[in-house]
Amino acid sequence: MRTLLDIIEAVKDDKEATEREMRLAICALDALLHFDFKALAELYKAEKEGKKKVLLGSALFQYEEAFRRHKTALSKSPEEWLGPNHLPENPDNQRFRRVAFKLLDKVTGKVGGG
């Protein structure tokens, strides 16, 4: 499988990507988005509370960490970067997702997540 960067560039160049490449690229990009959002949320929370020290580090640390994380993800195939535990076809991953959505439904009072 091609690297995440190669898949993205192929799509942007109107070239073909396999369905599996596309599916796993979406999963990888979703994970990157989650990491970035979580870091920004922590920085915002600390700023709002007037804290100088943040559990997840300074803004500079988060910037450098995000750069490292994106560089690593883009240089590997989505399958390799995600790892076997986070592949959609992994039954354990799907079981974990079902349990997580049931927990979320109990906490929020919603029905039928995921």
PDB file of N, CA and C in Angstrom:
ATOM      1  N   MET A   1       0.854  -1.183   0.000  1.00  0.00           N
ATOM      2  CA  MET A   1       0.000   0.000   0.000  1.00  0.00           C
ATOM      3  C   MET A   1       0.899   1.244   0.000  1.00  0.00           C
ATOM      4  N   ARG A   2       0.452   2.265  -0.710  1.00  0.00           N
ATOM      5  CA  ARG A   2       1.209   3.513  -0.797  1.00  0.00           C
ATOM      6  C   ARG A   2       1.170   4.277   0.529  1.00  0.00           C
ATOM      7  N   THR A   3       2.059   5.244   0.649  1.00  0.00           N
ATOM      8  CA  THR A   3       2.043   6.085   1.839  1.00  0.00           C
ATOM      9  C   THR A   3       0.791   6.953   1.827  1.00  0.00           C
ATOM     10  N   LEU A   4       0.457   7.454   2.998  1.00  0.00           N
ATOM     11  CA  LEU A   4      -0.693   8.354   3.110  1.00  0.00           C
ATOM     12  C   LEU A   4      -0.505   9.568   2.207  1.00  0.00           C
ATOM     13  N   LEU A   5       0.704  10.126   2.176  1.00  0.00           N
ATOM     14  CA  LEU A   5       0.977  11.275   1.309  1.00  0.00           C
ATOM     15  C   LEU A   5       0.774  10.915  -0.161  1.00  0.00           C
ATOM     16  N   ASP A   6       1.242   9.752  -0.585  1.00  0.00           N
ATOM     17  CA  ASP A   6       1.070   9.335  -1.983  1.00  0.00           C
ATOM     18  C   ASP A   6      -0.401   9.154  -2.339  1.00  0.00           C
ATOM     19  N   ILE A   7      -1.176   8.642  -1.415  1.00  0.00           N
ATOM     20  CA  ILE A   7      -2.614   8.460  -1.657  1.00  0.00           C
ATOM     21  C   ILE A   7      -3.284   9.822  -1.798  1.00  0.00           C
ATOM     22  N   ILE A   8      -2.981  10.724  -0.886  1.00  0.00           N
ATOM     23  CA  ILE A   8      -3.567  12.068  -0.940  1.00  0.00           C
ATOM     24  C   ILE A   8      -3.188  12.768  -2.242  1.00  0.00           C
ATOM     25  N   GLU A   9      -1.915  12.697  -2.608  1.00  0.00           N
ATOM     26  CA  GLU A   9      -1.455  13.350  -3.833  1.00  0.00           C
ATOM     27  C   GLU A   9      -2.101  12.722  -5.073  1.00  0.00           C
ATOM     28  N   ALA A  10      -2.276  11.416  -5.071  1.00  0.00           N
ATOM     29  CA  ALA A  10      -2.930  10.753  -6.207  1.00  0.00           C
ATOM     30  C   ALA A  10      -4.353  11.286  -6.373  1.00  0.00           C
ATOM     31  N   VAL A  11      -5.071  11.394  -5.283  1.00  0.00           N
ATOM     32  CA  VAL A  11      -6.446  11.891  -5.345  1.00  0.00           C
ATOM     33  C   VAL A  11      -6.466  13.339  -5.823  1.00  0.00           C
ATOM     34  N   LYS A  12      -5.570  14.154  -5.298  1.00  0.00           N
ATOM     35  CA  LYS A  12      -5.519  15.559  -5.705  1.00  0.00           C
ATOM     36  C   LYS A  12      -5.118  15.715  -7.167  1.00  0.00           C
ATOM     37  N   ASP A  13      -4.344  14.753  -7.695  1.00  0.00           N
ATOM     38  CA  ASP A  13      -3.944  14.774  -9.106  1.00  0.00           C
ATOM     39  C   ASP A  13      -4.958  14.077 -10.006  1.00  0.00           C
ATOM     40  N   ASP A  14      -6.114  13.730  -9.453  1.00  0.00           N
ATOM     41  CA  ASP A  14      -7.181  13.037 -10.173  1.00  0.00           C
ATOM     42  C   ASP A  14      -6.716  11.685 -10.702  1.00  0.00           C
ATOM     43  N   LYS A  15      -5.895  11.005  -9.912  1.00  0.00           N
ATOM     44  CA  LYS A  15      -5.456   9.655 -10.243  1.00  0.00           C
ATOM     45  C   LYS A  15      -6.175   8.664  -9.346  1.00  0.00           C
ATOM     46  N   GLU A  16      -6.043   7.399  -9.669  1.00  0.00           N
ATOM     47  CA  GLU A  16      -6.767   6.352  -8.963  1.00  0.00           C
ATOM     48  C   GLU A  16      -6.134   6.005  -7.614  1.00  0.00           C
ATOM     49  N   ALA A  17      -6.988   5.654  -6.685  1.00  0.00           N
ATOM     50  CA  ALA A  17      -6.595   5.059  -5.408  1.00  0.00           C
ATOM     51  C   ALA A  17      -7.572   3.922  -5.168  1.00  0.00           C
ATOM     52  N   THR A  18      -7.077   2.851  -4.571  1.00  0.00           N
ATOM     53  CA  THR A  18      -7.966   1.721  -4.325  1.00  0.00           C
ATOM     54  C   THR A  18      -8.967   2.083  -3.238  1.00  0.00           C
ATOM     55  N   GLU A  19     -10.034   1.321  -3.189  1.00  0.00           N
ATOM     56  CA  GLU A  19     -11.034   1.560  -2.140  1.00  0.00           C
ATOM     57  C   GLU A  19     -10.415   1.386  -0.761  1.00  0.00           C
ATOM     58  N   ARG A  20      -9.584   0.373  -0.599  1.00  0.00           N
ATOM     59  CA  ARG A  20      -8.951   0.130   0.709  1.00  0.00           C
ATOM     60  C   ARG A  20      -8.019   1.281   1.074  1.00  0.00           C
ATOM     61  N   GLU A  21      -7.242   1.775   0.103  1.00  0.00           N
ATOM     62  CA  GLU A  21      -6.381   2.924   0.380  1.00  0.00           C
ATOM     63  C   GLU A  21      -7.213   4.116   0.854  1.00  0.00           C
ATOM     64  N   MET A  22      -8.306   4.354   0.193  1.00  0.00           N
ATOM     65  CA  MET A  22      -9.161   5.491   0.544  1.00  0.00           C
ATOM     66  C   MET A  22      -9.777   5.310   1.930  1.00  0.00           C
ATOM     67  N   ARG A  23     -10.273   4.114   2.194  1.00  0.00           N
ATOM     68  CA  ARG A  23     -10.900   3.852   3.500  1.00  0.00           C
ATOM     69  C   ARG A  23      -9.908   4.039   4.634  1.00  0.00           C
ATOM     70  N   LEU A  24      -8.695   3.484   4.472  1.00  0.00           N
ATOM     71  CA  LEU A  24      -7.712   3.587   5.536  1.00  0.00           C
ATOM     72  C   LEU A  24      -7.130   4.997   5.633  1.00  0.00           C
ATOM     73  N   ALA A  25      -7.042   5.692   4.510  1.00  0.00           N
ATOM     74  CA  ALA A  25      -6.600   7.086   4.545  1.00  0.00           C
ATOM     75  C   ALA A  25      -7.586   7.927   5.349  1.00  0.00           C
ATOM     76  N   ILE A  26      -8.873   7.685   5.165  1.00  0.00           N
ATOM     77  CA  ILE A  26      -9.887   8.402   5.943  1.00  0.00           C
ATOM     78  C   ILE A  26      -9.716   8.109   7.429  1.00  0.00           C
ATOM     79  N   CYS A  27      -9.482   6.855   7.784  1.00  0.00           N
ATOM     80  CA  CYS A  27      -9.281   6.495   9.195  1.00  0.00           C
ATOM     81  C   CYS A  27      -8.040   7.180   9.765  1.00  0.00           C
ATOM     82  N   ALA A  28      -6.952   7.206   8.998  1.00  0.00           N
ATOM     83  CA  ALA A  28      -5.720   7.846   9.461  1.00  0.00           C
ATOM     84  C   ALA A  28      -5.928   9.346   9.640  1.00  0.00           C
ATOM     85  N   LEU A  29      -6.558   9.986   8.670  1.00  0.00           N
ATOM     86  CA  LEU A  29      -6.791  11.426   8.767  1.00  0.00           C
ATOM     87  C   LEU A  29      -7.745  11.755   9.913  1.00  0.00           C
ATOM     88  N   ASP A  30      -8.714  10.891  10.166  1.00  0.00           N
ATOM     89  CA  ASP A  30      -9.622  11.074  11.293  1.00  0.00           C
ATOM     90  C   ASP A  30      -8.851  11.011  12.610  1.00  0.00           C
ATOM     91  N   ALA A  31      -7.925  10.065  12.721  1.00  0.00           N
ATOM     92  CA  ALA A  31      -7.119   9.946  13.935  1.00  0.00           C
ATOM     93  C   ALA A  31      -6.244  11.187  14.125  1.00  0.00           C
ATOM     94  N   LEU A  32      -5.626  11.667  13.055  1.00  0.00           N
ATOM     95  CA  LEU A  32      -4.817  12.882  13.151  1.00  0.00           C
ATOM     96  C   LEU A  32      -5.669  14.070  13.595  1.00  0.00           C
ATOM     97  N   LEU A  33      -6.854  14.175  13.030  1.00  0.00           N
ATOM     98  CA  LEU A  33      -7.769  15.253  13.399  1.00  0.00           C
ATOM     99  C   LEU A  33      -8.125  15.173  14.883  1.00  0.00           C
ATOM    100  N   HIS A  34      -8.372  13.968  15.364  1.00  0.00           N
ATOM    101  CA  HIS A  34      -8.711  13.760  16.776  1.00  0.00           C
ATOM    102  C   HIS A  34      -7.561  14.216  17.677  1.00  0.00           C
ATOM    103  N   PHE A  35      -6.333  13.782  17.361  1.00  0.00           N
ATOM    104  CA  PHE A  35      -5.174  14.180  18.166  1.00  0.00           C
ATOM    105  C   PHE A  35      -5.017  15.694  18.193  1.00  0.00           C
ATOM    106  N   ASP A  36      -5.128  16.327  17.031  1.00  0.00           N
ATOM    107  CA  ASP A  36      -4.957  17.770  16.947  1.00  0.00           C
ATOM    108  C   ASP A  36      -6.046  18.508  17.727  1.00  0.00           C
ATOM    109  N   PHE A  37      -7.291  18.058  17.590  1.00  0.00           N
ATOM    110  CA  PHE A  37      -8.397  18.710  18.285  1.00  0.00           C
ATOM    111  C   PHE A  37      -8.231  18.571  19.795  1.00  0.00           C
ATOM    112  N   LYS A  38      -7.843  17.388  20.243  1.00  0.00           N
ATOM    113  CA  LYS A  38      -7.666  17.162  21.676  1.00  0.00           C
ATOM    114  C   LYS A  38      -6.580  18.084  22.232  1.00  0.00           C
ATOM    115  N   ALA A  39      -5.479  18.227  21.514  1.00  0.00           N
ATOM    116  CA  ALA A  39      -4.395  19.101  21.961  1.00  0.00           C
ATOM    117  C   ALA A  39      -4.858  20.555  22.024  1.00  0.00           C
ATOM    118  N   LEU A  40      -5.581  21.009  21.005  1.00  0.00           N
ATOM    119  CA  LEU A  40      -6.090  22.383  21.006  1.00  0.00           C
ATOM    120  C   LEU A  40      -7.086  22.610  22.142  1.00  0.00           C
ATOM    121  N   ALA A  41      -7.926  21.623  22.390  1.00  0.00           N
ATOM    122  CA  ALA A  41      -8.905  21.738  23.469  1.00  0.00           C
ATOM    123  C   ALA A  41      -8.211  21.854  24.823  1.00  0.00           C
ATOM    124  N   GLU A  42      -7.159  21.079  25.037  1.00  0.00           N
ATOM    125  CA  GLU A  42      -6.406  21.159  26.291  1.00  0.00           C
ATOM    126  C   GLU A  42      -5.737  22.525  26.438  1.00  0.00           C
ATOM    127  N   LEU A  43      -5.152  23.022  25.364  1.00  0.00           N
ATOM    128  CA  LEU A  43      -4.516  24.339  25.425  1.00  0.00           C
ATOM    129  C   LEU A  43      -5.549  25.431  25.706  1.00  0.00           C
ATOM    130  N   TYR A  44      -6.705  25.344  25.064  1.00  0.00           N
ATOM    131  CA  TYR A  44      -7.770  26.319  25.288  1.00  0.00           C
ATOM    132  C   TYR A  44      -8.245  26.277  26.740  1.00  0.00           C
ATOM    133  N   LYS A  45      -8.462  25.087  27.249  1.00  0.00           N
ATOM    134  CA  LYS A  45      -8.936  24.919  28.620  1.00  0.00           C
ATOM    135  C   LYS A  45      -7.938  25.539  29.603  1.00  0.00           C
ATOM    136  N   ALA A  46      -6.656  25.272  29.400  1.00  0.00           N
ATOM    137  CA  ALA A  46      -5.628  25.829  30.280  1.00  0.00           C
ATOM    138  C   ALA A  46      -5.594  27.356  30.180  1.00  0.00           C
ATOM    139  N   GLU A  47      -5.689  27.867  28.957  1.00  0.00           N
ATOM    140  CA  GLU A  47      -5.676  29.320  28.762  1.00  0.00           C
ATOM    141  C   GLU A  47      -6.877  29.964  29.445  1.00  0.00           C
ATOM    142  N   LYS A  48      -8.030  29.346  29.292  1.00  0.00           N
ATOM    143  CA  LYS A  48      -9.263  29.863  29.883  1.00  0.00           C
ATOM    144  C   LYS A  48      -9.173  29.900  31.403  1.00  0.00           C
ATOM    145  N   GLU A  49      -8.499  28.904  31.971  1.00  0.00           N
ATOM    146  CA  GLU A  49      -8.355  28.825  33.426  1.00  0.00           C
ATOM    147  C   GLU A  49      -7.139  29.606  33.923  1.00  0.00           C
ATOM    148  N   GLY A  50      -6.425  30.268  33.010  1.00  0.00           N
ATOM    149  CA  GLY A  50      -5.285  31.080  33.388  1.00  0.00           C
ATOM    150  C   GLY A  50      -4.053  30.290  33.790  1.00  0.00           C
ATOM    151  N   LYS A  51      -3.971  29.060  33.353  1.00  0.00           N
ATOM    152  CA  LYS A  51      -2.827  28.219  33.697  1.00  0.00           C
ATOM    153  C   LYS A  51      -1.687  28.444  32.715  1.00  0.00           C
ATOM    154  N   LYS A  52      -0.489  28.438  33.237  1.00  0.00           N
ATOM    155  CA  LYS A  52       0.680  28.548  32.366  1.00  0.00           C
ATOM    156  C   LYS A  52       1.179  27.167  31.974  1.00  0.00           C
ATOM    157  N   LYS A  53       1.044  26.215  32.871  1.00  0.00           N
ATOM    158  CA  LYS A  53       1.458  24.838  32.594  1.00  0.00           C
ATOM    159  C   LYS A  53       0.237  24.053  32.132  1.00  0.00           C
ATOM    160  N   VAL A  54       0.434  23.226  31.135  1.00  0.00           N
ATOM    161  CA  VAL A  54      -0.645  22.423  30.577  1.00  0.00           C
ATOM    162  C   VAL A  54      -0.252  20.956  30.690  1.00  0.00           C
ATOM    163  N   LEU A  55      -1.218  20.128  30.962  1.00  0.00           N
ATOM    164  CA  LEU A  55      -0.963  18.694  31.078  1.00  0.00           C
ATOM    165  C   LEU A  55      -0.242  18.154  29.845  1.00  0.00           C
ATOM    166  N   LEU A  56      -0.663  18.588  28.680  1.00  0.00           N
ATOM    167  CA  LEU A  56      -0.085  18.071  27.437  1.00  0.00           C
ATOM    168  C   LEU A  56       1.035  18.943  26.888  1.00  0.00           C
ATOM    169  N   GLY A  57       1.545  19.883  27.671  1.00  0.00           N
ATOM    170  CA  GLY A  57       2.672  20.698  27.223  1.00  0.00           C
ATOM    171  C   GLY A  57       2.261  22.059  26.696  1.00  0.00           C
ATOM    172  N   SER A  58       3.249  22.832  26.313  1.00  0.00           N
ATOM    173  CA  SER A  58       3.031  24.189  25.819  1.00  0.00           C
ATOM    174  C   SER A  58       2.506  24.173  24.385  1.00  0.00           C
ATOM    175  N   ALA A  59       2.127  25.342  23.921  1.00  0.00           N
ATOM    176  CA  ALA A  59       1.689  25.472  22.534  1.00  0.00           C
ATOM    177  C   ALA A  59       2.812  25.082  21.584  1.00  0.00           C
ATOM    178  N   LEU A  60       4.034  25.483  21.904  1.00  0.00           N
ATOM    179  CA  LEU A  60       5.182  25.113  21.074  1.00  0.00           C
ATOM    180  C   LEU A  60       5.369  23.603  21.056  1.00  0.00           C
ATOM    181  N   PHE A  61       5.256  22.978  22.223  1.00  0.00           N
ATOM    182  CA  PHE A  61       5.375  21.520  22.285  1.00  0.00           C
ATOM    183  C   PHE A  61       4.301  20.863  21.419  1.00  0.00           C
ATOM    184  N   GLN A  62       3.066  21.349  21.517  1.00  0.00           N
ATOM    185  CA  GLN A  62       1.974  20.758  20.748  1.00  0.00           C
ATOM    186  C   GLN A  62       2.179  20.963  19.249  1.00  0.00           C
ATOM    187  N   TYR A  63       2.676  22.128  18.868  1.00  0.00           N
ATOM    188  CA  TYR A  63       2.972  22.388  17.462  1.00  0.00           C
ATOM    189  C   TYR A  63       4.017  21.400  16.954  1.00  0.00           C
ATOM    190  N   GLU A  64       5.100  21.251  17.702  1.00  0.00           N
ATOM    191  CA  GLU A  64       6.168  20.330  17.302  1.00  0.00           C
ATOM    192  C   GLU A  64       5.684  18.888  17.281  1.00  0.00           C
ATOM    193  N   GLU A  65       4.867  18.520  18.249  1.00  0.00           N
ATOM    194  CA  GLU A  65       4.325  17.155  18.310  1.00  0.00           C
ATOM    195  C   GLU A  65       3.379  16.902  17.127  1.00  0.00           C
ATOM    196  N   ALA A  66       2.541  17.859  16.802  1.00  0.00           N
ATOM    197  CA  ALA A  66       1.632  17.705  15.659  1.00  0.00           C
ATOM    198  C   ALA A  66       2.427  17.579  14.363  1.00  0.00           C
ATOM    199  N   PHE A  67       3.458  18.386  14.215  1.00  0.00           N
ATOM    200  CA  PHE A  67       4.309  18.303  13.022  1.00  0.00           C
ATOM    201  C   PHE A  67       4.930  16.911  12.922  1.00  0.00           C
ATOM    202  N   ARG A  68       5.482  16.419  14.029  1.00  0.00           N
ATOM    203  CA  ARG A  68       6.102  15.090  14.046  1.00  0.00           C
ATOM    204  C   ARG A  68       5.069  14.002  13.708  1.00  0.00           C
ATOM    205  N   ARG A  69       3.894  14.114  14.322  1.00  0.00           N
ATOM    206  CA  ARG A  69       2.837  13.115  14.112  1.00  0.00           C
ATOM    207  C   ARG A  69       2.384  13.098  12.652  1.00  0.00           C
ATOM    208  N   HIS A  70       2.180  14.280  12.065  1.00  0.00           N
ATOM    209  CA  HIS A  70       1.757  14.357  10.656  1.00  0.00           C
ATOM    210  C   HIS A  70       2.852  13.845   9.728  1.00  0.00           C
ATOM    211  N   LYS A  71       4.091  14.237   9.989  1.00  0.00           N
ATOM    212  CA  LYS A  71       5.214  13.780   9.163  1.00  0.00           C
ATOM    213  C   LYS A  71       5.318  12.256   9.201  1.00  0.00           C
ATOM    214  N   THR A  72       5.175  11.682  10.377  1.00  0.00           N
ATOM    215  CA  THR A  72       5.231  10.223  10.523  1.00  0.00           C
ATOM    216  C   THR A  72       4.082   9.564   9.776  1.00  0.00           C
ATOM    217  N   ALA A  73       2.869  10.075   9.969  1.00  0.00           N
ATOM    218  CA  ALA A  73       1.695   9.487   9.323  1.00  0.00           C
ATOM    219  C   ALA A  73       1.782   9.573   7.805  1.00  0.00           C
ATOM    220  N   LEU A  74       2.216  10.721   7.306  1.00  0.00           N
ATOM    221  CA  LEU A  74       2.273  10.914   5.858  1.00  0.00           C
ATOM    222  C   LEU A  74       3.340  10.049   5.198  1.00  0.00           C
ATOM    223  N   SER A  75       4.363   9.664   5.941  1.00  0.00           N
ATOM    224  CA  SER A  75       5.459   8.874   5.363  1.00  0.00           C
ATOM    225  C   SER A  75       5.229   7.368   5.433  1.00  0.00           C
ATOM    226  N   LYS A  76       4.128   6.957   6.046  1.00  0.00           N
ATOM    227  CA  LYS A  76       3.810   5.532   6.146  1.00  0.00           C
ATOM    228  C   LYS A  76       2.488   5.250   5.441  1.00  0.00           C
ATOM    229  N   SER A  77       2.262   3.982   5.172  1.00  0.00           N
ATOM    230  CA  SER A  77       0.944   3.629   4.646  1.00  0.00           C
ATOM    231  C   SER A  77      -0.059   3.809   5.785  1.00  0.00           C
ATOM    232  N   PRO A  78      -1.306   4.127   5.461  1.00  0.00           N
ATOM    233  CA  PRO A  78      -2.314   4.259   6.519  1.00  0.00           C
ATOM    234  C   PRO A  78      -2.421   2.977   7.350  1.00  0.00           C
ATOM    235  N   GLU A  79      -2.299   1.839   6.690  1.00  0.00           N
ATOM    236  CA  GLU A  79      -2.379   0.553   7.393  1.00  0.00           C
ATOM    237  C   GLU A  79      -1.260   0.436   8.431  1.00  0.00           C
ATOM    238  N   GLU A  80      -0.056   0.788   8.030  1.00  0.00           N
ATOM    239  CA  GLU A  80       1.087   0.708   8.939  1.00  0.00           C
ATOM    240  C   GLU A  80       0.952   1.721  10.070  1.00  0.00           C
ATOM    241  N   TRP A  81       0.563   2.959   9.747  1.00  0.00           N
ATOM    242  CA  TRP A  81       0.468   3.997  10.769  1.00  0.00           C
ATOM    243  C   TRP A  81      -0.641   3.693  11.779  1.00  0.00           C
ATOM    244  N   LEU A  82      -1.787   3.220  11.296  1.00  0.00           N
ATOM    245  CA  LEU A  82      -2.896   2.904  12.198  1.00  0.00           C
ATOM    246  C   LEU A  82      -2.568   1.709  13.085  1.00  0.00           C
ATOM    247  N   GLY A  83      -1.900   0.741  12.521  1.00  0.00           N
ATOM    248  CA  GLY A  83      -1.593  -0.486  13.258  1.00  0.00           C
ATOM    249  C   GLY A  83      -2.776  -1.432  13.237  1.00  0.00           C
ATOM    250  N   PRO A  84      -2.528  -2.712  13.454  1.00  0.00           N
ATOM    251  CA  PRO A  84      -3.575  -3.730  13.317  1.00  0.00           C
ATOM    252  C   PRO A  84      -4.760  -3.538  14.266  1.00  0.00           C
ATOM    253  N   ASN A  85      -4.543  -2.959  15.431  1.00  0.00           N
ATOM    254  CA  ASN A  85      -5.635  -2.792  16.394  1.00  0.00           C
ATOM    255  C   ASN A  85      -6.651  -1.740  15.975  1.00  0.00           C
ATOM    256  N   HIS A  86      -6.284  -0.878  15.032  1.00  0.00           N
ATOM    257  CA  HIS A  86      -7.174   0.218  14.642  1.00  0.00           C
ATOM    258  C   HIS A  86      -7.700   0.097  13.214  1.00  0.00           C
ATOM    259  N   LEU A  87      -7.522  -1.058  12.622  1.00  0.00           N
ATOM    260  CA  LEU A  87      -8.052  -1.274  11.277  1.00  0.00           C
ATOM    261  C   LEU A  87      -9.540  -1.584  11.365  1.00  0.00           C
ATOM    262  N   PRO A  88     -10.354  -1.031  10.466  1.00  0.00           N
ATOM    263  CA  PRO A  88     -11.797  -1.262  10.523  1.00  0.00           C
ATOM    264  C   PRO A  88     -12.179  -2.736  10.440  1.00  0.00           C
ATOM    265  N   GLU A  89     -11.384  -3.540   9.737  1.00  0.00           N
ATOM    266  CA  GLU A  89     -11.736  -4.953   9.579  1.00  0.00           C
ATOM    267  C   GLU A  89     -11.365  -5.810  10.794  1.00  0.00           C
ATOM    268  N   ASN A  90     -10.710  -5.223  11.784  1.00  0.00           N
ATOM    269  CA  ASN A  90     -10.324  -5.964  12.986  1.00  0.00           C
ATOM    270  C   ASN A  90     -11.557  -6.141  13.881  1.00  0.00           C
ATOM    271  N   PRO A  91     -11.974  -7.401  14.131  1.00  0.00           N
ATOM    272  CA  PRO A  91     -13.167  -7.635  14.962  1.00  0.00           C
ATOM    273  C   PRO A  91     -13.052  -7.032  16.362  1.00  0.00           C
ATOM    274  N   ASP A  92     -11.850  -7.048  16.939  1.00  0.00           N
ATOM    275  CA  ASP A  92     -11.667  -6.459  18.269  1.00  0.00           C
ATOM    276  C   ASP A  92     -11.905  -4.950  18.229  1.00  0.00           C
ATOM    277  N   ASN A  93     -11.466  -4.310  17.161  1.00  0.00           N
ATOM    278  CA  ASN A  93     -11.699  -2.877  16.996  1.00  0.00           C
ATOM    279  C   ASN A  93     -13.195  -2.598  16.912  1.00  0.00           C
ATOM    280  N   GLN A  94     -13.912  -3.394  16.168  1.00  0.00           N
ATOM    281  CA  GLN A  94     -15.353  -3.192  16.032  1.00  0.00           C
ATOM    282  C   GLN A  94     -16.076  -3.447  17.355  1.00  0.00           C
ATOM    283  N   ARG A  95     -15.635  -4.465  18.106  1.00  0.00           N
ATOM    284  CA  ARG A  95     -16.208  -4.729  19.430  1.00  0.00           C
ATOM    285  C   ARG A  95     -15.979  -3.537  20.360  1.00  0.00           C
ATOM    286  N   PHE A  96     -14.757  -3.022  20.352  1.00  0.00           N
ATOM    287  CA  PHE A  96     -14.431  -1.866  21.177  1.00  0.00           C
ATOM    288  C   PHE A  96     -15.313  -0.675  20.814  1.00  0.00           C
ATOM    289  N   ARG A  97     -15.514  -0.447  19.519  1.00  0.00           N
ATOM    290  CA  ARG A  97     -16.353   0.667  19.081  1.00  0.00           C
ATOM    291  C   ARG A  97     -17.793   0.498  19.557  1.00  0.00           C
ATOM    292  N   ARG A  98     -18.326  -0.724  19.474  1.00  0.00           N
ATOM    293  CA  ARG A  98     -19.697  -0.960  19.943  1.00  0.00           C
ATOM    294  C   ARG A  98     -19.825  -0.675  21.438  1.00  0.00           C
ATOM    295  N   VAL A  99     -18.857  -1.142  22.216  1.00  0.00           N
ATOM    296  CA  VAL A  99     -18.876  -0.904  23.659  1.00  0.00           C
ATOM    297  C   VAL A  99     -18.758   0.592  23.947  1.00  0.00           C
ATOM    298  N   ALA A 100     -17.860   1.262  23.258  1.00  0.00           N
ATOM    299  CA  ALA A 100     -17.665   2.696  23.467  1.00  0.00           C
ATOM    300  C   ALA A 100     -18.943   3.474  23.157  1.00  0.00           C
ATOM    301  N   PHE A 101     -19.629   3.118  22.067  1.00  0.00           N
ATOM    302  CA  PHE A 101     -20.863   3.822  21.723  1.00  0.00           C
ATOM    303  C   PHE A 101     -21.968   3.528  22.725  1.00  0.00           C
ATOM    304  N   LYS A 102     -22.020   2.309  23.254  1.00  0.00           N
ATOM    305  CA  LYS A 102     -23.021   1.996  24.286  1.00  0.00           C
ATOM    306  C   LYS A 102     -22.771   2.833  25.535  1.00  0.00           C
ATOM    307  N   LEU A 103     -21.509   2.952  25.922  1.00  0.00           N
ATOM    308  CA  LEU A 103     -21.153   3.793  27.076  1.00  0.00           C
ATOM    309  C   LEU A 103     -21.524   5.245  26.822  1.00  0.00           C
ATOM    310  N   LEU A 104     -21.191   5.735  25.649  1.00  0.00           N
ATOM    311  CA  LEU A 104     -21.510   7.112  25.293  1.00  0.00           C
ATOM    312  C   LEU A 104     -23.020   7.331  25.309  1.00  0.00           C
ATOM    313  N   ASP A 105     -23.768   6.365  24.791  1.00  0.00           N
ATOM    314  CA  ASP A 105     -25.228   6.471  24.795  1.00  0.00           C
ATOM    315  C   ASP A 105     -25.771   6.556  26.222  1.00  0.00           C
ATOM    316  N   LYS A 106     -25.182   5.778  27.138  1.00  0.00           N
ATOM    317  CA  LYS A 106     -25.628   5.816  28.542  1.00  0.00           C
ATOM    318  C   LYS A 106     -25.328   7.170  29.165  1.00  0.00           C
ATOM    319  N   VAL A 107     -24.163   7.706  28.878  1.00  0.00           N
ATOM    320  CA  VAL A 107     -23.754   8.986  29.463  1.00  0.00           C
ATOM    321  C   VAL A 107     -24.591  10.129  28.897  1.00  0.00           C
ATOM    322  N   THR A 108     -24.830  10.109  27.586  1.00  0.00           N
ATOM    323  CA  THR A 108     -25.547  11.225  26.959  1.00  0.00           C
ATOM    324  C   THR A 108     -27.043  11.018  26.887  1.00  0.00           C
ATOM    325  N   GLY A 109     -27.506   9.796  27.129  1.00  0.00           N
ATOM    326  CA  GLY A 109     -28.934   9.500  27.029  1.00  0.00           C
ATOM    327  C   GLY A 109     -29.412   9.299  25.608  1.00  0.00           C
ATOM    328  N   LYS A 110     -28.473   9.231  24.676  1.00  0.00           N
ATOM    329  CA  LYS A 110     -28.836   9.010  23.280  1.00  0.00           C
ATOM    330  C   LYS A 110     -28.940   7.514  23.011  1.00  0.00           C
ATOM    331  N   VAL A 111     -29.555   7.199  21.887  1.00  0.00           N
ATOM    332  CA  VAL A 111     -29.701   5.813  21.496  1.00  0.00           C
ATOM    333  C   VAL A 111     -29.090   5.600  20.123  1.00  0.00           C
ATOM    334  N   GLY A 112     -28.292   4.517  19.977  1.00  0.00           N
ATOM    335  CA  GLY A 112     -27.819   4.106  18.670  1.00  0.00           C
ATOM    336  C   GLY A 112     -26.653   4.885  18.097  1.00  0.00           C
ATOM    337  N   GLY A 113     -25.551   4.987  18.806  1.00  0.00           N
ATOM    338  CA  GLY A 113     -24.372   5.657  18.266  1.00  0.00           C
ATOM    339  C   GLY A 113     -23.684   4.809  17.221  1.00  0.00           C
ATOM    340  N   GLY A 114     -22.817   5.450  16.441  1.00  0.00           N
ATOM    341  CA  GLY A 114     -21.964   4.766  15.462  1.00  0.00           C
ATOM    342  C   GLY A 114     -22.720   4.188  14.381  1.00  0.00           C
TER     343      GLY A 114
END
